[in-house]
Amino acid sequence: MPKKTVRKKHVPQRTCVGCRDVLPKKRLIRLVKTPSGIQIDPSGKMSGRGAYLHERRSCWERGIKGALAHALKTELTSEDRQILLEFMVDLPDDTQDHEEHDHD
């Protein structure tokens, strides 16, 4: 009888533009450059140039300072910044996530 080979499912990896950590795509939040500005893409399927950030304030702060604009090859408008800052307010503090992150 032939042996059955078990294939591991490929897990897409992405880099957080805030901290440069590489993680599974599903653990990061995708942002997309669209003609109308930067949009948060919860589905991860919107068309357009995308970049990824952790669900952590520190990564979003670094992203807003310039890493996100660089990754998306655009300038962030004041409207873009406002949308990102409003989303960032509800994100968890880093203290919890760093403990989890250290064990990854």
PDB file of N, CA and C in Angstrom:
ATOM      1  N   MET A   1       0.828  -1.178   0.000  1.00  0.00           N
ATOM      2  CA  MET A   1       0.000   0.000   0.000  1.00  0.00           C
ATOM      3  C   MET A   1       0.881   1.253   0.000  1.00  0.00           C
ATOM      4  N   PRO A   2       0.585   2.214  -0.868  1.00  0.00           N
ATOM      5  CA  PRO A   2       1.409   3.427  -0.890  1.00  0.00           C
ATOM      6  C   PRO A   2       1.196   4.268   0.361  1.00  0.00           C
ATOM      7  N   LYS A   3       2.279   4.890   0.793  1.00  0.00           N
ATOM      8  CA  LYS A   3       2.182   5.756   1.971  1.00  0.00           C
ATOM      9  C   LYS A   3       1.506   7.068   1.577  1.00  0.00           C
ATOM     10  N   LYS A   4       0.695   7.556   2.479  1.00  0.00           N
ATOM     11  CA  LYS A   4       0.014   8.817   2.243  1.00  0.00           C
ATOM     12  C   LYS A   4       0.913   9.949   2.746  1.00  0.00           C
ATOM     13  N   THR A   5       1.204  10.893   1.884  1.00  0.00           N
ATOM     14  CA  THR A   5       2.029  12.013   2.319  1.00  0.00           C
ATOM     15  C   THR A   5       1.124  13.133   2.824  1.00  0.00           C
ATOM     16  N   VAL A   6       1.526  13.720   3.913  1.00  0.00           N
ATOM     17  CA  VAL A   6       0.772  14.811   4.502  1.00  0.00           C
ATOM     18  C   VAL A   6       1.473  16.109   4.131  1.00  0.00           C
ATOM     19  N   ARG A   7       0.760  16.924   3.368  1.00  0.00           N
ATOM     20  CA  ARG A   7       1.339  18.206   2.969  1.00  0.00           C
ATOM     21  C   ARG A   7       0.898  19.294   3.931  1.00  0.00           C
ATOM     22  N   LYS A   8       1.851  20.103   4.323  1.00  0.00           N
ATOM     23  CA  LYS A   8       1.521  21.252   5.158  1.00  0.00           C
ATOM     24  C   LYS A   8       0.906  22.324   4.275  1.00  0.00           C
ATOM     25  N   LYS A   9      -0.147  22.929   4.761  1.00  0.00           N
ATOM     26  CA  LYS A   9      -0.787  23.997   4.004  1.00  0.00           C
ATOM     27  C   LYS A   9       0.113  25.233   4.016  1.00  0.00           C
ATOM     28  N   HIS A  10       0.258  25.852   2.851  1.00  0.00           N
ATOM     29  CA  HIS A  10       1.065  27.060   2.748  1.00  0.00           C
ATOM     30  C   HIS A  10       0.364  28.203   3.476  1.00  0.00           C
ATOM     31  N   VAL A  11       1.086  28.881   4.357  1.00  0.00           N
ATOM     32  CA  VAL A  11       0.538  30.018   5.084  1.00  0.00           C
ATOM     33  C   VAL A  11       1.240  31.271   4.583  1.00  0.00           C
ATOM     34  N   PRO A  12       0.516  32.166   3.882  1.00  0.00           N
ATOM     35  CA  PRO A  12       1.146  33.378   3.370  1.00  0.00           C
ATOM     36  C   PRO A  12       1.703  34.234   4.507  1.00  0.00           C
ATOM     37  N   GLN A  13       2.909  34.731   4.332  1.00  0.00           N
ATOM     38  CA  GLN A  13       3.578  35.563   5.325  1.00  0.00           C
ATOM     39  C   GLN A  13       3.638  36.996   4.819  1.00  0.00           C
ATOM     40  N   ARG A  14       3.509  37.948   5.725  1.00  0.00           N
ATOM     41  CA  ARG A  14       3.617  39.364   5.381  1.00  0.00           C
ATOM     42  C   ARG A  14       4.435  40.066   6.458  1.00  0.00           C
ATOM     43  N   THR A  15       4.988  41.215   6.099  1.00  0.00           N
ATOM     44  CA  THR A  15       5.819  41.990   7.013  1.00  0.00           C
ATOM     45  C   THR A  15       5.048  43.210   7.501  1.00  0.00           C
ATOM     46  N   CYS A  16       5.038  43.416   8.803  1.00  0.00           N
ATOM     47  CA  CYS A  16       4.445  44.613   9.390  1.00  0.00           C
ATOM     48  C   CYS A  16       5.355  45.789   9.057  1.00  0.00           C
ATOM     49  N   VAL A  17       4.826  46.843   8.437  1.00  0.00           N
ATOM     50  CA  VAL A  17       5.665  47.976   8.079  1.00  0.00           C
ATOM     51  C   VAL A  17       6.062  48.803   9.299  1.00  0.00           C
ATOM     52  N   GLY A  18       5.393  48.601  10.427  1.00  0.00           N
ATOM     53  CA  GLY A  18       5.731  49.330  11.645  1.00  0.00           C
ATOM     54  C   GLY A  18       6.938  48.763  12.365  1.00  0.00           C
ATOM     55  N   CYS A  19       6.969  47.441  12.558  1.00  0.00           N
ATOM     56  CA  CYS A  19       8.047  46.822  13.344  1.00  0.00           C
ATOM     57  C   CYS A  19       8.920  45.873  12.526  1.00  0.00           C
ATOM     58  N   ARG A  20       8.541  45.589  11.284  1.00  0.00           N
ATOM     59  CA  ARG A  20       9.281  44.732  10.363  1.00  0.00           C
ATOM     60  C   ARG A  20       9.239  43.245  10.733  1.00  0.00           C
ATOM     61  N   ASP A  21       8.354  42.845  11.650  1.00  0.00           N
ATOM     62  CA  ASP A  21       8.185  41.426  11.974  1.00  0.00           C
ATOM     63  C   ASP A  21       7.416  40.732  10.854  1.00  0.00           C
ATOM     64  N   VAL A  22       7.790  39.502  10.550  1.00  0.00           N
ATOM     65  CA  VAL A  22       7.099  38.709   9.540  1.00  0.00           C
ATOM     66  C   VAL A  22       6.150  37.751  10.262  1.00  0.00           C
ATOM     67  N   LEU A  23       4.879  37.810   9.876  1.00  0.00           N
ATOM     68  CA  LEU A  23       3.852  36.993  10.515  1.00  0.00           C
ATOM     69  C   LEU A  23       2.891  36.461   9.469  1.00  0.00           C
ATOM     70  N   PRO A  24       2.068  35.475   9.845  1.00  0.00           N
ATOM     71  CA  PRO A  24       1.027  35.038   8.915  1.00  0.00           C
ATOM     72  C   PRO A  24       0.122  36.210   8.550  1.00  0.00           C
ATOM     73  N   LYS A  25      -0.241  36.276   7.301  1.00  0.00           N
ATOM     74  CA  LYS A  25      -1.049  37.369   6.750  1.00  0.00           C
ATOM     75  C   LYS A  25      -2.304  37.645   7.581  1.00  0.00           C
ATOM     76  N   LYS A  26      -2.954  36.602   8.067  1.00  0.00           N
ATOM     77  CA  LYS A  26      -4.205  36.751   8.808  1.00  0.00           C
ATOM     78  C   LYS A  26      -4.027  37.442  10.157  1.00  0.00           C
ATOM     79  N   ARG A  27      -2.803  37.526  10.660  1.00  0.00           N
ATOM     80  CA  ARG A  27      -2.574  38.161  11.963  1.00  0.00           C
ATOM     81  C   ARG A  27      -2.299  39.653  11.838  1.00  0.00           C
ATOM     82  N   LEU A  28      -2.271  40.169  10.606  1.00  0.00           N
ATOM     83  CA  LEU A  28      -1.989  41.578  10.378  1.00  0.00           C
ATOM     84  C   LEU A  28      -3.198  42.264   9.752  1.00  0.00           C
ATOM     85  N   ILE A  29      -3.233  43.590   9.830  1.00  0.00           N
ATOM     86  CA  ILE A  29      -4.305  44.382   9.231  1.00  0.00           C
ATOM     87  C   ILE A  29      -3.776  44.964   7.927  1.00  0.00           C
ATOM     88  N   ARG A  30      -4.520  44.760   6.845  1.00  0.00           N
ATOM     89  CA  ARG A  30      -4.100  45.254   5.529  1.00  0.00           C
ATOM     90  C   ARG A  30      -4.677  46.640   5.284  1.00  0.00           C
ATOM     91  N   LEU A  31      -3.831  47.505   4.751  1.00  0.00           N
ATOM     92  CA  LEU A  31      -4.255  48.837   4.323  1.00  0.00           C
ATOM     93  C   LEU A  31      -3.980  48.935   2.842  1.00  0.00           C
ATOM     94  N   VAL A  32      -4.867  49.623   2.123  1.00  0.00           N
ATOM     95  CA  VAL A  32      -4.779  49.668   0.662  1.00  0.00           C
ATOM     96  C   VAL A  32      -4.798  51.110   0.177  1.00  0.00           C
ATOM     97  N   LYS A  33      -3.953  51.367  -0.816  1.00  0.00           N
ATOM     98  CA  LYS A  33      -3.972  52.671  -1.485  1.00  0.00           C
ATOM     99  C   LYS A  33      -5.003  52.588  -2.602  1.00  0.00           C
ATOM    100  N   THR A  34      -6.017  53.440  -2.536  1.00  0.00           N
ATOM    101  CA  THR A  34      -7.053  53.487  -3.568  1.00  0.00           C
ATOM    102  C   THR A  34      -7.072  54.901  -4.153  1.00  0.00           C
ATOM    103  N   PRO A  35      -7.742  55.101  -5.270  1.00  0.00           N
ATOM    104  CA  PRO A  35      -7.836  56.452  -5.835  1.00  0.00           C
ATOM    105  C   PRO A  35      -8.462  57.463  -4.871  1.00  0.00           C
ATOM    106  N   SER A  36      -9.311  56.988  -3.952  1.00  0.00           N
ATOM    107  CA  SER A  36      -9.961  57.898  -3.002  1.00  0.00           C
ATOM    108  C   SER A  36      -9.189  58.038  -1.692  1.00  0.00           C
ATOM    109  N   GLY A  37      -8.037  57.390  -1.574  1.00  0.00           N
ATOM    110  CA  GLY A  37      -7.226  57.499  -0.361  1.00  0.00           C
ATOM    111  C   GLY A  37      -6.915  56.139   0.242  1.00  0.00           C
ATOM    112  N   ILE A  38      -6.331  56.161   1.429  1.00  0.00           N
ATOM    113  CA  ILE A  38      -5.967  54.923   2.129  1.00  0.00           C
ATOM    114  C   ILE A  38      -7.220  54.343   2.784  1.00  0.00           C
ATOM    115  N   GLN A  39      -7.403  53.021   2.617  1.00  0.00           N
ATOM    116  CA  GLN A  39      -8.539  52.351   3.240  1.00  0.00           C
ATOM    117  C   GLN A  39      -8.060  51.131   4.006  1.00  0.00           C
ATOM    118  N   ILE A  40      -8.749  50.839   5.104  1.00  0.00           N
ATOM    119  CA  ILE A  40      -8.477  49.630   5.874  1.00  0.00           C
ATOM    120  C   ILE A  40      -9.244  48.507   5.196  1.00  0.00           C
ATOM    121  N   ASP A  41      -8.548  47.399   4.951  1.00  0.00           N
ATOM    122  CA  ASP A  41      -9.117  46.280   4.190  1.00  0.00           C
ATOM    123  C   ASP A  41      -9.259  45.046   5.081  1.00  0.00           C
ATOM    124  N   PRO A  42     -10.372  44.940   5.820  1.00  0.00           N
ATOM    125  CA  PRO A  42     -10.535  43.798   6.718  1.00  0.00           C
ATOM    126  C   PRO A  42     -10.587  42.454   5.991  1.00  0.00           C
ATOM    127  N   SER A  43     -11.064  42.437   4.748  1.00  0.00           N
ATOM    128  CA  SER A  43     -11.162  41.176   4.013  1.00  0.00           C
ATOM    129  C   SER A  43      -9.807  40.746   3.449  1.00  0.00           C
ATOM    130  N   GLY A  44      -8.910  41.703   3.265  1.00  0.00           N
ATOM    131  CA  GLY A  44      -7.602  41.399   2.677  1.00  0.00           C
ATOM    132  C   GLY A  44      -7.673  41.147   1.187  1.00  0.00           C
ATOM    133  N   LYS A  45      -8.779  41.524   0.547  1.00  0.00           N
ATOM    134  CA  LYS A  45      -8.966  41.182  -0.866  1.00  0.00           C
ATOM    135  C   LYS A  45      -9.214  42.381  -1.781  1.00  0.00           C
ATOM    136  N   MET A  46      -9.175  43.588  -1.235  1.00  0.00           N
ATOM    137  CA  MET A  46      -9.404  44.763  -2.072  1.00  0.00           C
ATOM    138  C   MET A  46      -8.279  44.888  -3.091  1.00  0.00           C
ATOM    139  N   SER A  47      -8.610  45.417  -4.261  1.00  0.00           N
ATOM    140  CA  SER A  47      -7.556  45.606  -5.250  1.00  0.00           C
ATOM    141  C   SER A  47      -6.811  46.895  -4.935  1.00  0.00           C
ATOM    142  N   GLY A  48      -5.562  46.928  -5.277  1.00  0.00           N
ATOM    143  CA  GLY A  48      -4.724  48.088  -5.009  1.00  0.00           C
ATOM    144  C   GLY A  48      -3.481  47.687  -4.251  1.00  0.00           C
ATOM    145  N   ARG A  49      -2.544  48.620  -4.182  1.00  0.00           N
ATOM    146  CA  ARG A  49      -1.289  48.361  -3.465  1.00  0.00           C
ATOM    147  C   ARG A  49      -1.577  48.291  -1.972  1.00  0.00           C
ATOM    148  N   GLY A  50      -1.109  47.240  -1.335  1.00  0.00           N
ATOM    149  CA  GLY A  50      -1.384  47.044   0.086  1.00  0.00           C
ATOM    150  C   GLY A  50      -0.141  47.050   0.943  1.00  0.00           C
ATOM    151  N   ALA A  51      -0.354  47.290   2.224  1.00  0.00           N
ATOM    152  CA  ALA A  51       0.701  47.205   3.238  1.00  0.00           C
ATOM    153  C   ALA A  51       0.041  46.663   4.500  1.00  0.00           C
ATOM    154  N   TYR A  52       0.838  46.125   5.398  1.00  0.00           N
ATOM    155  CA  TYR A  52       0.305  45.450   6.575  1.00  0.00           C
ATOM    156  C   TYR A  52       0.861  46.045   7.858  1.00  0.00           C
ATOM    157  N   LEU A  53       0.002  46.097   8.880  1.00  0.00           N
ATOM    158  CA  LEU A  53       0.388  46.552  10.216  1.00  0.00           C
ATOM    159  C   LEU A  53      -0.170  45.593  11.257  1.00  0.00           C
ATOM    160  N   HIS A  54       0.585  45.457  12.371  1.00  0.00           N
ATOM    161  CA  HIS A  54       0.083  44.718  13.533  1.00  0.00           C
ATOM    162  C   HIS A  54      -1.137  45.423  14.100  1.00  0.00           C
ATOM    163  N   GLU A  55      -1.845  44.730  14.927  1.00  0.00           N
ATOM    164  CA  GLU A  55      -2.956  45.329  15.662  1.00  0.00           C
ATOM    165  C   GLU A  55      -2.398  45.891  16.973  1.00  0.00           C
ATOM    166  N   ARG A  56      -1.393  46.769  16.835  1.00  0.00           N
ATOM    167  CA  ARG A  56      -0.732  47.388  17.987  1.00  0.00           C
ATOM    168  C   ARG A  56      -0.534  48.870  17.715  1.00  0.00           C
ATOM    169  N   ARG A  57      -0.741  49.674  18.726  1.00  0.00           N
ATOM    170  CA  ARG A  57      -0.597  51.124  18.552  1.00  0.00           C
ATOM    171  C   ARG A  57       0.797  51.526  18.108  1.00  0.00           C
ATOM    172  N   SER A  58       1.822  50.929  18.687  1.00  0.00           N
ATOM    173  CA  SER A  58       3.192  51.348  18.347  1.00  0.00           C
ATOM    174  C   SER A  58       3.484  51.137  16.855  1.00  0.00           C
ATOM    175  N   CYS A  59       2.995  50.062  16.293  1.00  0.00           N
ATOM    176  CA  CYS A  59       3.209  49.808  14.859  1.00  0.00           C
ATOM    177  C   CYS A  59       2.453  50.833  14.016  1.00  0.00           C
ATOM    178  N   TRP A  60       1.244  51.176  14.432  1.00  0.00           N
ATOM    179  CA  TRP A  60       0.454  52.165  13.695  1.00  0.00           C
ATOM    180  C   TRP A  60       1.098  53.544  13.799  1.00  0.00           C
ATOM    181  N   GLU A  61       1.632  53.879  14.985  1.00  0.00           N
ATOM    182  CA  GLU A  61       2.300  55.177  15.149  1.00  0.00           C
ATOM    183  C   GLU A  61       3.496  55.277  14.210  1.00  0.00           C
ATOM    184  N   ARG A  62       4.307  54.230  14.156  1.00  0.00           N
ATOM    185  CA  ARG A  62       5.459  54.218  13.243  1.00  0.00           C
ATOM    186  C   ARG A  62       5.003  54.261  11.793  1.00  0.00           C
ATOM    187  N   GLY A  63       3.944  53.534  11.497  1.00  0.00           N
ATOM    188  CA  GLY A  63       3.421  53.519  10.137  1.00  0.00           C
ATOM    189  C   GLY A  63       2.953  54.891   9.693  1.00  0.00           C
ATOM    190  N   ILE A  64       2.229  55.570  10.562  1.00  0.00           N
ATOM    191  CA  ILE A  64       1.709  56.898  10.228  1.00  0.00           C
ATOM    192  C   ILE A  64       2.846  57.904  10.069  1.00  0.00           C
ATOM    193  N   LYS A  65       3.934  57.732  10.822  1.00  0.00           N
ATOM    194  CA  LYS A  65       5.073  58.657  10.731  1.00  0.00           C
ATOM    195  C   LYS A  65       5.773  58.594   9.375  1.00  0.00           C
ATOM    196  N   GLY A  66       5.602  57.500   8.631  1.00  0.00           N
ATOM    197  CA  GLY A  66       6.251  57.476   7.329  1.00  0.00           C
ATOM    198  C   GLY A  66       6.407  56.105   6.697  1.00  0.00           C
ATOM    199  N   ALA A  67       6.498  55.052   7.501  1.00  0.00           N
ATOM    200  CA  ALA A  67       6.727  53.717   6.948  1.00  0.00           C
ATOM    201  C   ALA A  67       5.571  53.266   6.055  1.00  0.00           C
ATOM    202  N   LEU A  68       4.358  53.631   6.424  1.00  0.00           N
ATOM    203  CA  LEU A  68       3.191  53.227   5.644  1.00  0.00           C
ATOM    204  C   LEU A  68       3.169  53.942   4.289  1.00  0.00           C
ATOM    205  N   ALA A  69       3.417  55.241   4.299  1.00  0.00           N
ATOM    206  CA  ALA A  69       3.450  56.005   3.046  1.00  0.00           C
ATOM    207  C   ALA A  69       4.523  55.453   2.113  1.00  0.00           C
ATOM    208  N   HIS A  70       5.665  55.106   2.679  1.00  0.00           N
ATOM    209  CA  HIS A  70       6.757  54.543   1.879  1.00  0.00           C
ATOM    210  C   HIS A  70       6.335  53.200   1.271  1.00  0.00           C
ATOM    211  N   ALA A  71       5.716  52.338   2.078  1.00  0.00           N
ATOM    212  CA  ALA A  71       5.304  51.014   1.605  1.00  0.00           C
ATOM    213  C   ALA A  71       4.223  51.113   0.531  1.00  0.00           C
ATOM    214  N   LEU A  72       3.342  52.099   0.670  1.00  0.00           N
ATOM    215  CA  LEU A  72       2.257  52.260  -0.298  1.00  0.00           C
ATOM    216  C   LEU A  72       2.653  53.151  -1.475  1.00  0.00           C
ATOM    217  N   LYS A  73       3.872  53.673  -1.414  1.00  0.00           N
ATOM    218  CA  LYS A  73       4.392  54.551  -2.471  1.00  0.00           C
ATOM    219  C   LYS A  73       3.461  55.729  -2.725  1.00  0.00           C
ATOM    220  N   THR A  74       3.112  56.416  -1.641  1.00  0.00           N
ATOM    221  CA  THR A  74       2.217  57.568  -1.724  1.00  0.00           C
ATOM    222  C   THR A  74       2.498  58.501  -0.559  1.00  0.00           C
ATOM    223  N   GLU A  75       1.881  59.658  -0.583  1.00  0.00           N
ATOM    224  CA  GLU A  75       1.903  60.577   0.553  1.00  0.00           C
ATOM    225  C   GLU A  75       0.576  60.442   1.282  1.00  0.00           C
ATOM    226  N   LEU A  76       0.619  60.420   2.609  1.00  0.00           N
ATOM    227  CA  LEU A  76      -0.623  60.357   3.375  1.00  0.00           C
ATOM    228  C   LEU A  76      -1.234  61.751   3.443  1.00  0.00           C
ATOM    229  N   THR A  77      -2.489  61.851   3.078  1.00  0.00           N
ATOM    230  CA  THR A  77      -3.198  63.127   3.174  1.00  0.00           C
ATOM    231  C   THR A  77      -3.660  63.316   4.616  1.00  0.00           C
ATOM    232  N   SER A  78      -4.134  64.508   4.939  1.00  0.00           N
ATOM    233  CA  SER A  78      -4.649  64.741   6.290  1.00  0.00           C
ATOM    234  C   SER A  78      -5.879  63.866   6.549  1.00  0.00           C
ATOM    235  N   GLU A  79      -6.677  63.598   5.497  1.00  0.00           N
ATOM    236  CA  GLU A  79      -7.835  62.713   5.653  1.00  0.00           C
ATOM    237  C   GLU A  79      -7.375  61.276   5.949  1.00  0.00           C
ATOM    238  N   ASP A  80      -6.330  60.833   5.231  1.00  0.00           N
ATOM    239  CA  ASP A  80      -5.778  59.493   5.474  1.00  0.00           C
ATOM    240  C   ASP A  80      -5.311  59.370   6.921  1.00  0.00           C
ATOM    241  N   ARG A  81      -4.559  60.359   7.372  1.00  0.00           N
ATOM    242  CA  ARG A  81      -4.046  60.346   8.751  1.00  0.00           C
ATOM    243  C   ARG A  81      -5.189  60.297   9.759  1.00  0.00           C
ATOM    244  N   GLN A  82      -6.245  61.067   9.508  1.00  0.00           N
ATOM    245  CA  GLN A  82      -7.375  61.102  10.415  1.00  0.00           C
ATOM    246  C   GLN A  82      -8.051  59.729  10.500  1.00  0.00           C
ATOM    247  N   ILE A  83      -8.256  59.077   9.362  1.00  0.00           N
ATOM    248  CA  ILE A  83      -8.865  57.737   9.336  1.00  0.00           C
ATOM    249  C   ILE A  83      -7.995  56.751  10.116  1.00  0.00           C
ATOM    250  N   LEU A  84      -6.690  56.800   9.900  1.00  0.00           N
ATOM    251  CA  LEU A  84      -5.773  55.880  10.574  1.00  0.00           C
ATOM    252  C   LEU A  84      -5.722  56.144  12.073  1.00  0.00           C
ATOM    253  N   LEU A  85      -5.692  57.402  12.459  1.00  0.00           N
ATOM    254  CA  LEU A  85      -5.667  57.738  13.885  1.00  0.00           C
ATOM    255  C   LEU A  85      -6.952  57.308  14.582  1.00  0.00           C
ATOM    256  N   GLU A  86      -8.094  57.487  13.928  1.00  0.00           N
ATOM    257  CA  GLU A  86      -9.372  57.056  14.517  1.00  0.00           C
ATOM    258  C   GLU A  86      -9.409  55.544  14.705  1.00  0.00           C
ATOM    259  N   PHE A  87      -8.868  54.803  13.742  1.00  0.00           N
ATOM    260  CA  PHE A  87      -8.825  53.339  13.862  1.00  0.00           C
ATOM    261  C   PHE A  87      -7.860  52.937  14.977  1.00  0.00           C
ATOM    262  N   MET A  88      -6.717  53.639  15.068  1.00  0.00           N
ATOM    263  CA  MET A  88      -5.662  53.311  16.034  1.00  0.00           C
ATOM    264  C   MET A  88      -6.130  53.469  17.477  1.00  0.00           C
ATOM    265  N   VAL A  89      -7.041  54.410  17.732  1.00  0.00           N
ATOM    266  CA  VAL A  89      -7.516  54.675  19.094  1.00  0.00           C
ATOM    267  C   VAL A  89      -8.078  53.416  19.744  1.00  0.00           C
ATOM    268  N   ASP A  90      -8.723  52.564  18.972  1.00  0.00           N
ATOM    269  CA  ASP A  90      -9.350  51.358  19.522  1.00  0.00           C
ATOM    270  C   ASP A  90      -8.403  50.160  19.608  1.00  0.00           C
ATOM    271  N   LEU A  91      -7.173  50.322  19.158  1.00  0.00           N
ATOM    272  CA  LEU A  91      -6.234  49.199  19.178  1.00  0.00           C
ATOM    273  C   LEU A  91      -5.705  48.956  20.591  1.00  0.00           C
ATOM    274  N   PRO A  92      -5.344  47.706  20.886  1.00  0.00           N
ATOM    275  CA  PRO A  92      -4.815  47.403  22.219  1.00  0.00           C
ATOM    276  C   PRO A  92      -3.441  48.027  22.430  1.00  0.00           C
ATOM    277  N   ASP A  93      -3.135  48.243  23.704  1.00  0.00           N
ATOM    278  CA  ASP A  93      -1.800  48.702  24.079  1.00  0.00           C
ATOM    279  C   ASP A  93      -0.795  47.609  23.768  1.00  0.00           C
ATOM    280  N   ASP A  94       0.468  47.955  23.725  1.00  0.00           N
ATOM    281  CA  ASP A  94       1.503  46.992  23.349  1.00  0.00           C
ATOM    282  C   ASP A  94       1.860  45.996  24.434  1.00  0.00           C
ATOM    283  N   THR A  95       1.610  46.293  25.697  1.00  0.00           N
ATOM    284  CA  THR A  95       2.109  45.444  26.770  1.00  0.00           C
ATOM    285  C   THR A  95       1.618  44.009  26.671  1.00  0.00           C
ATOM    286  N   GLN A  96       0.337  43.799  26.402  1.00  0.00           N
ATOM    287  CA  GLN A  96      -0.199  42.437  26.264  1.00  0.00           C
ATOM    288  C   GLN A  96       0.426  41.732  25.072  1.00  0.00           C
ATOM    289  N   ASP A  97       0.429  42.405  23.940  1.00  0.00           N
ATOM    290  CA  ASP A  97       0.860  41.784  22.697  1.00  0.00           C
ATOM    291  C   ASP A  97       2.338  41.426  22.717  1.00  0.00           C
ATOM    292  N   HIS A  98       3.162  42.250  23.395  1.00  0.00           N
ATOM    293  CA  HIS A  98       4.590  41.940  23.439  1.00  0.00           C
ATOM    294  C   HIS A  98       4.842  40.617  24.158  1.00  0.00           C
ATOM    295  N   GLU A  99       4.060  40.342  25.217  1.00  0.00           N
ATOM    296  CA  GLU A  99       4.244  39.071  25.909  1.00  0.00           C
ATOM    297  C   GLU A  99       3.918  37.907  24.989  1.00  0.00           C
ATOM    298  N   GLU A 100       2.798  38.013  24.249  1.00  0.00           N
ATOM    299  CA  GLU A 100       2.435  36.960  23.285  1.00  0.00           C
ATOM    300  C   GLU A 100       3.475  36.868  22.198  1.00  0.00           C
ATOM    301  N   HIS A 101       3.909  38.036  21.718  1.00  0.00           N
ATOM    302  CA  HIS A 101       4.831  38.120  20.594  1.00  0.00           C
ATOM    303  C   HIS A 101       6.179  37.482  20.921  1.00  0.00           C
ATOM    304  N   ASP A 102       6.634  37.653  22.164  1.00  0.00           N
ATOM    305  CA  ASP A 102       7.929  37.093  22.558  1.00  0.00           C
ATOM    306  C   ASP A 102       7.943  35.571  22.479  1.00  0.00           C
ATOM    307  N   HIS A 103       6.771  34.955  22.577  1.00  0.00           N
ATOM    308  CA  HIS A 103       6.710  33.490  22.570  1.00  0.00           C
ATOM    309  C   HIS A 103       6.461  32.915  21.186  1.00  0.00           C
ATOM    310  N   ASP A 104       6.265  33.760  20.162  1.00  0.00           N
ATOM    311  CA  ASP A 104       6.006  33.282  18.793  1.00  0.00           C
ATOM    312  C   ASP A 104       7.223  32.620  18.200  1.00  0.00           C
TER     313      ASP A 104
END
